[in-house]
Amino acid sequence: MNEGYSKIFVSLDGTEQQDFVLARAIKVAANNNAKLIIGHVIDSTALESAGAYPVDLVNGLETAFRNSIAAQVGEAKANPDIPEVEIVIRAGRIRETLKDEMLDVIQPDLVLCGARGLSSIKYALLGSISTFLLRNTDCDILVVK
């Protein structure tokens, strides 16, 4: 019986902490010989309030995100202990998109995410993604600080 992880999902938010979170996910994936899925949700909440948002704006945000992680993705793909690396990017409301379009579809064994450290007012109003994941997923969660 293998007690390790075979499919690891890392949720990245585009902040400066994402490099550290992705580096940790790469180490965990290599240590478990696991597939690594890198996920990112382009938050469309502000764009939705304007009515509709141009597709080229979303495409530009996706390209910028891919460029921001390109070196680390190359490192992960070159690692012989990581059998596969996949990047999944969706636009939508963060919580719903992350859960419904990513985690429910991918069904990882482990999810890694960062602790953004929202201000106490934002946390009271919005909650945190890490707390949402703890309450709404069936797999292990690793919050990287």
C-alpha atoms as a PDB file:
ATOM      1  CA  MET A   1       0.000   0.000   0.000  1.00  0.00           C
ATOM      2  CA  ASN A   2       1.438   3.332  -1.132  1.00  0.00           C
ATOM      3  CA  GLU A   3       0.861   5.985   1.517  1.00  0.00           C
ATOM      4  CA  GLY A   4       2.336   8.804  -0.540  1.00  0.00           C
ATOM      5  CA  TYR A   5       0.622  11.194  -2.907  1.00  0.00           C
ATOM      6  CA  SER A   6       0.224  10.518  -6.632  1.00  0.00           C
ATOM      7  CA  LYS A   7      -1.523  13.711  -7.798  1.00  0.00           C
ATOM      8  CA  ILE A   8      -0.585  17.041  -6.240  1.00  0.00           C
ATOM      9  CA  PHE A   9      -2.413  20.283  -7.011  1.00  0.00           C
ATOM     10  CA  VAL A  10      -0.866  23.627  -6.142  1.00  0.00           C
ATOM     11  CA  SER A  11      -3.101  26.689  -6.148  1.00  0.00           C
ATOM     12  CA  LEU A  12      -1.193  29.853  -7.013  1.00  0.00           C
ATOM     13  CA  ASP A  13      -2.597  33.343  -6.586  1.00  0.00           C
ATOM     14  CA  GLY A  14      -0.139  35.547  -8.463  1.00  0.00           C
ATOM     15  CA  THR A  15       1.332  37.156  -5.342  1.00  0.00           C
ATOM     16  CA  GLU A  16       5.035  37.357  -4.562  1.00  0.00           C
ATOM     17  CA  GLN A  17       4.616  34.341  -2.258  1.00  0.00           C
ATOM     18  CA  GLN A  18       3.669  32.057  -5.153  1.00  0.00           C
ATOM     19  CA  ASP A  19       7.318  31.301  -6.002  1.00  0.00           C
ATOM     20  CA  PHE A  20       7.864  29.898  -2.514  1.00  0.00           C
ATOM     21  CA  VAL A  21       4.599  27.903  -2.640  1.00  0.00           C
ATOM     22  CA  LEU A  22       5.452  26.466  -6.068  1.00  0.00           C
ATOM     23  CA  ALA A  23       8.974  25.565  -4.928  1.00  0.00           C
ATOM     24  CA  ARG A  24       7.486  23.633  -1.997  1.00  0.00           C
ATOM     25  CA  ALA A  25       5.002  21.888  -4.317  1.00  0.00           C
ATOM     26  CA  ILE A  26       7.836  20.840  -6.631  1.00  0.00           C
ATOM     27  CA  LYS A  27       9.731  19.325  -3.688  1.00  0.00           C
ATOM     28  CA  VAL A  28       6.660  17.466  -2.420  1.00  0.00           C
ATOM     29  CA  ALA A  29       5.843  16.170  -5.911  1.00  0.00           C
ATOM     30  CA  ALA A  30       9.434  14.966  -6.431  1.00  0.00           C
ATOM     31  CA  ASN A  31       9.531  13.290  -3.012  1.00  0.00           C
ATOM     32  CA  ASN A  32       6.337  11.395  -3.864  1.00  0.00           C
ATOM     33  CA  ASN A  33       7.027  10.732  -7.559  1.00  0.00           C
ATOM     34  CA  ALA A  34       3.698  12.488  -8.115  1.00  0.00           C
ATOM     35  CA  LYS A  35       2.071  14.314 -10.992  1.00  0.00           C
ATOM     36  CA  LEU A  36       2.098  18.082 -10.354  1.00  0.00           C
ATOM     37  CA  ILE A  37      -0.864  20.194 -11.414  1.00  0.00           C
ATOM     38  CA  ILE A  38      -0.375  23.954 -11.145  1.00  0.00           C
ATOM     39  CA  GLY A  39      -3.665  25.830 -10.877  1.00  0.00           C
ATOM     40  CA  HIS A  40      -4.487  29.507 -11.112  1.00  0.00           C
ATOM     41  CA  VAL A  41      -7.829  31.310 -11.180  1.00  0.00           C
ATOM     42  CA  ILE A  42      -7.991  34.686 -12.869  1.00  0.00           C
ATOM     43  CA  ASP A  43     -10.413  36.552 -10.611  1.00  0.00           C
ATOM     44  CA  SER A  44     -13.235  37.842 -12.781  1.00  0.00           C
ATOM     45  CA  THR A  45     -15.267  39.377  -9.941  1.00  0.00           C
ATOM     46  CA  ALA A  46     -14.190  42.961 -10.682  1.00  0.00           C
ATOM     47  CA  LEU A  47     -14.508  42.379 -14.395  1.00  0.00           C
ATOM     48  CA  GLU A  48     -18.036  40.975 -14.001  1.00  0.00           C
ATOM     49  CA  SER A  49     -19.239  44.152 -12.303  1.00  0.00           C
ATOM     50  CA  ALA A  50     -18.400  46.030 -15.495  1.00  0.00           C
ATOM     51  CA  GLY A  51     -20.823  43.782 -17.401  1.00  0.00           C
ATOM     52  CA  ALA A  52     -18.505  41.785 -19.650  1.00  0.00           C
ATOM     53  CA  TYR A  53     -14.788  41.519 -19.979  1.00  0.00           C
ATOM     54  CA  PRO A  54     -12.698  41.315 -23.126  1.00  0.00           C
ATOM     55  CA  VAL A  55     -11.180  37.921 -23.876  1.00  0.00           C
ATOM     56  CA  ASP A  56      -7.855  39.511 -24.803  1.00  0.00           C
ATOM     57  CA  LEU A  57      -7.574  40.901 -21.259  1.00  0.00           C
ATOM     58  CA  VAL A  58      -7.964  37.397 -19.799  1.00  0.00           C
ATOM     59  CA  ASN A  59      -5.491  36.048 -22.363  1.00  0.00           C
ATOM     60  CA  GLY A  60      -2.980  38.734 -21.354  1.00  0.00           C
ATOM     61  CA  LEU A  61      -3.387  37.871 -17.655  1.00  0.00           C
ATOM     62  CA  GLU A  62      -2.932  34.177 -18.448  1.00  0.00           C
ATOM     63  CA  THR A  63       0.231  34.871 -20.440  1.00  0.00           C
ATOM     64  CA  ALA A  64       1.636  37.036 -17.634  1.00  0.00           C
ATOM     65  CA  PHE A  65       0.945  34.268 -15.107  1.00  0.00           C
ATOM     66  CA  ARG A  66       2.575  31.597 -17.290  1.00  0.00           C
ATOM     67  CA  ASN A  67       5.625  33.833 -17.745  1.00  0.00           C
ATOM     68  CA  SER A  68       5.865  34.406 -13.982  1.00  0.00           C
ATOM     69  CA  ILE A  69       6.224  30.665 -13.299  1.00  0.00           C
ATOM     70  CA  ALA A  70       8.071  29.608 -16.469  1.00  0.00           C
ATOM     71  CA  ALA A  71      11.477  29.012 -14.839  1.00  0.00           C
ATOM     72  CA  GLN A  72      10.038  26.892 -12.035  1.00  0.00           C
ATOM     73  CA  VAL A  73       7.820  24.933 -14.434  1.00  0.00           C
ATOM     74  CA  GLY A  74      10.926  24.179 -16.501  1.00  0.00           C
ATOM     75  CA  GLU A  75      12.668  22.961 -13.354  1.00  0.00           C
ATOM     76  CA  ALA A  76       9.726  20.711 -12.465  1.00  0.00           C
ATOM     77  CA  LYS A  77       9.480  19.276 -15.991  1.00  0.00           C
ATOM     78  CA  ALA A  78      13.202  18.517 -15.969  1.00  0.00           C
ATOM     79  CA  ASN A  79      12.974  16.659 -12.654  1.00  0.00           C
ATOM     80  CA  PRO A  80      12.989  12.893 -13.311  1.00  0.00           C
ATOM     81  CA  ASP A  81      11.063  12.290 -10.064  1.00  0.00           C
ATOM     82  CA  ILE A  82       8.023  14.227 -11.332  1.00  0.00           C
ATOM     83  CA  PRO A  83       6.320  12.160 -14.037  1.00  0.00           C
ATOM     84  CA  GLU A  84       4.072  14.933 -15.362  1.00  0.00           C
ATOM     85  CA  VAL A  85       3.514  18.663 -14.950  1.00  0.00           C
ATOM     86  CA  GLU A  86       0.261  20.314 -16.024  1.00  0.00           C
ATOM     87  CA  ILE A  87      -0.890  23.927 -15.814  1.00  0.00           C
ATOM     88  CA  VAL A  88      -4.610  24.664 -15.451  1.00  0.00           C
ATOM     89  CA  ILE A  89      -5.824  28.259 -15.697  1.00  0.00           C
ATOM     90  CA  ARG A  90      -9.455  29.347 -15.546  1.00  0.00           C
ATOM     91  CA  ALA A  91     -11.204  32.700 -15.248  1.00  0.00           C
ATOM     92  CA  GLY A  92     -14.051  33.067 -12.783  1.00  0.00           C
ATOM     93  CA  ARG A  93     -14.917  33.619  -9.165  1.00  0.00           C
ATOM     94  CA  ILE A  94     -12.009  32.174  -7.223  1.00  0.00           C
ATOM     95  CA  ARG A  95     -13.735  29.830  -4.764  1.00  0.00           C
ATOM     96  CA  GLU A  96     -16.335  28.419  -7.151  1.00  0.00           C
ATOM     97  CA  THR A  97     -13.909  28.039 -10.046  1.00  0.00           C
ATOM     98  CA  LEU A  98     -11.208  26.478  -7.894  1.00  0.00           C
ATOM     99  CA  LYS A  99     -13.589  23.926  -6.409  1.00  0.00           C
ATOM    100  CA  ASP A 100     -15.989  23.165  -9.267  1.00  0.00           C
ATOM    101  CA  GLU A 101     -13.766  23.474 -12.332  1.00  0.00           C
ATOM    102  CA  MET A 102     -10.435  22.365 -10.912  1.00  0.00           C
ATOM    103  CA  LEU A 103     -10.438  20.305  -7.716  1.00  0.00           C
ATOM    104  CA  ASP A 104     -13.681  18.400  -8.365  1.00  0.00           C
ATOM    105  CA  VAL A 105     -12.439  17.528 -11.869  1.00  0.00           C
ATOM    106  CA  ILE A 106      -8.791  16.769 -11.060  1.00  0.00           C
ATOM    107  CA  GLN A 107      -9.420  15.021  -7.713  1.00  0.00           C
ATOM    108  CA  PRO A 108      -5.912  15.451  -6.268  1.00  0.00           C
ATOM    109  CA  ASP A 109      -4.529  13.591  -3.251  1.00  0.00           C
ATOM    110  CA  LEU A 110      -2.983  16.781  -1.867  1.00  0.00           C
ATOM    111  CA  VAL A 111      -3.596  20.506  -2.370  1.00  0.00           C
ATOM    112  CA  LEU A 112      -0.949  23.100  -1.552  1.00  0.00           C
ATOM    113  CA  CYS A 113      -1.771  26.786  -1.228  1.00  0.00           C
ATOM    114  CA  GLY A 114      -0.247  29.874   0.286  1.00  0.00           C
ATOM    115  CA  ALA A 115      -1.423  31.867   3.270  1.00  0.00           C
ATOM    116  CA  ARG A 116      -1.931  35.334   1.830  1.00  0.00           C
ATOM    117  CA  GLY A 117      -2.378  37.070   5.140  1.00  0.00           C
ATOM    118  CA  LEU A 118      -5.419  39.206   4.391  1.00  0.00           C
ATOM    119  CA  SER A 119      -6.043  42.106   6.712  1.00  0.00           C
ATOM    120  CA  SER A 120      -8.452  41.299   9.545  1.00  0.00           C
ATOM    121  CA  ILE A 121     -11.239  43.284   7.863  1.00  0.00           C
ATOM    122  CA  LYS A 122     -10.803  41.564   4.497  1.00  0.00           C
ATOM    123  CA  TYR A 123     -10.606  38.195   6.246  1.00  0.00           C
ATOM    124  CA  ALA A 124     -13.833  38.883   8.154  1.00  0.00           C
ATOM    125  CA  LEU A 125     -15.610  39.865   4.944  1.00  0.00           C
ATOM    126  CA  LEU A 126     -14.114  37.396   2.509  1.00  0.00           C
ATOM    127  CA  GLY A 127     -12.560  34.571   4.484  1.00  0.00           C
ATOM    128  CA  SER A 128      -9.465  32.946   3.071  1.00  0.00           C
ATOM    129  CA  ILE A 129      -8.921  30.484   0.267  1.00  0.00           C
ATOM    130  CA  SER A 130      -6.972  28.178   2.585  1.00  0.00           C
ATOM    131  CA  THR A 131      -9.903  28.091   5.038  1.00  0.00           C
ATOM    132  CA  PHE A 132     -12.308  27.482   2.160  1.00  0.00           C
ATOM    133  CA  LEU A 133     -10.164  24.571   0.955  1.00  0.00           C
ATOM    134  CA  LEU A 134     -10.008  23.041   4.423  1.00  0.00           C
ATOM    135  CA  ARG A 135     -13.784  23.121   4.679  1.00  0.00           C
ATOM    136  CA  ASN A 136     -14.664  22.073   1.145  1.00  0.00           C
ATOM    137  CA  THR A 137     -12.197  19.467  -0.095  1.00  0.00           C
ATOM    138  CA  ASP A 138     -11.877  15.793   0.644  1.00  0.00           C
ATOM    139  CA  CYS A 139      -8.107  15.526   0.354  1.00  0.00           C
ATOM    140  CA  ASP A 140      -5.161  16.696   2.458  1.00  0.00           C
ATOM    141  CA  ILE A 141      -4.368  20.421   2.423  1.00  0.00           C
ATOM    142  CA  LEU A 142      -0.923  21.932   3.003  1.00  0.00           C
ATOM    143  CA  VAL A 143      -0.907  25.676   3.674  1.00  0.00           C
ATOM    144  CA  VAL A 144       2.544  27.082   2.984  1.00  0.00           C
ATOM    145  CA  LYS A 145       3.582  30.100   5.066  1.00  0.00           C
END
